[in-house]
Amino acid sequence: MLLAISGRNRAHGVLSAAAAAILFSTGGAAIKMAAFSGMQVASLRSAIAACALLLWVSGRIVWGWPTLAVATVYAATLTLFVTST
């Protein structure tokens, strides 16, 4: 089944993808410029992400072992990334 995408939705998607790419690519440079330790930066980024996710997926998260596993892997990935840069 092929869905038609309006021009406005396509433009919004392209702009969202470009904004995400810019934010991801500048993350390492921003971490190096910060006057915080690696764990402080990881904690701050996690707090911001938690607030954004709570607003975005409020009430739609099914809590269970798969959710806990993904959260643990993401936390480890973020912490290792921040402390390595």
Protein backbone atom coordinates (compact mmCIF):
# COMPACT_ATOMS: atom_id res chain seq x y z
CA MET A 1 0.00 0.00 0.00
CA LEU A 2 1.51 3.29 -1.11
CA LEU A 3 0.69 6.39 0.90
CA ALA A 4 0.69 9.83 -0.64
CA ILE A 5 2.84 12.36 1.20
CA SER A 6 1.90 16.00 0.89
CA GLY A 7 4.55 18.58 0.08
CA ARG A 8 4.24 20.14 3.51
CA ASN A 9 4.77 16.83 5.33
CA ARG A 10 7.73 16.02 3.10
CA ALA A 11 9.33 19.42 3.76
CA HIS A 12 8.78 18.99 7.50
CA GLY A 13 10.40 15.56 7.37
CA VAL A 14 13.41 16.83 5.42
CA LEU A 15 13.90 19.75 7.80
CA SER A 16 13.57 17.48 10.84
CA ALA A 17 16.16 15.06 9.42
CA ALA A 18 18.53 17.95 8.64
CA ALA A 19 18.13 19.38 12.16
CA ALA A 20 18.81 15.97 13.70
CA ALA A 21 21.93 15.54 11.55
CA ILE A 22 23.25 18.95 12.59
CA LEU A 23 22.61 18.26 16.27
CA PHE A 24 24.25 14.82 16.14
CA SER A 25 27.28 16.07 14.21
CA THR A 26 27.93 18.98 16.57
CA GLY A 27 27.47 16.92 19.75
CA GLY A 28 31.14 15.93 20.07
CA ALA A 29 32.38 19.48 19.58
CA ALA A 30 29.90 20.82 22.13
CA ILE A 31 31.04 18.22 24.67
CA LYS A 32 34.69 19.21 24.19
CA MET A 33 33.87 22.90 24.69
CA ALA A 34 31.88 22.32 27.89
CA ALA A 35 33.59 23.00 31.20
CA PHE A 36 31.96 19.94 32.80
CA SER A 37 33.28 16.47 33.46
CA GLY A 38 32.17 13.59 31.26
CA MET A 39 29.70 12.27 33.82
CA GLN A 40 28.19 15.74 34.31
CA VAL A 41 27.67 16.14 30.57
CA ALA A 42 26.17 12.64 30.30
CA SER A 43 23.82 13.38 33.20
CA LEU A 44 22.71 16.69 31.70
CA ARG A 45 22.12 15.16 28.27
CA SER A 46 20.17 12.31 29.85
CA ALA A 47 18.00 14.70 31.86
CA ILE A 48 17.18 16.74 28.76
CA ALA A 49 16.41 13.58 26.78
CA ALA A 50 14.20 12.24 29.59
CA CYS A 51 12.16 15.45 29.69
CA ALA A 52 11.76 15.48 25.92
CA LEU A 53 10.74 11.82 25.80
CA LEU A 54 8.26 12.21 28.65
CA LEU A 55 6.58 15.06 26.78
CA TRP A 56 6.66 13.25 23.43
CA VAL A 57 5.57 9.73 24.40
CA SER A 58 3.57 10.49 27.53
CA GLY A 59 1.38 7.49 28.33
CA ARG A 60 2.48 5.45 25.30
CA ILE A 61 5.43 3.63 26.88
CA VAL A 62 4.90 0.02 27.87
CA TRP A 63 7.18 -0.58 30.84
CA GLY A 64 8.77 -4.01 30.97
CA TRP A 65 12.02 -5.91 30.53
CA PRO A 66 12.50 -4.92 26.86
CA THR A 67 12.12 -1.24 27.75
CA LEU A 68 14.57 -1.59 30.62
CA ALA A 69 17.07 -3.41 28.37
CA VAL A 70 16.93 -0.70 25.69
CA ALA A 71 17.24 2.05 28.31
CA THR A 72 20.28 0.35 29.84
CA VAL A 73 22.02 -0.08 26.49
CA TYR A 74 21.27 3.53 25.54
CA ALA A 75 22.58 4.81 28.89
CA ALA A 76 25.79 2.82 28.46
CA THR A 77 26.23 4.05 24.88
CA LEU A 78 25.70 7.69 25.84
CA THR A 79 28.00 7.49 28.85
CA LEU A 80 30.78 5.80 26.89
CA PHE A 81 30.43 8.31 24.03
CA VAL A 82 30.57 11.32 26.33
CA THR A 83 33.46 10.07 28.45
CA SER A 84 35.48 9.14 25.35
CA THR A 85 35.20 12.61 23.77
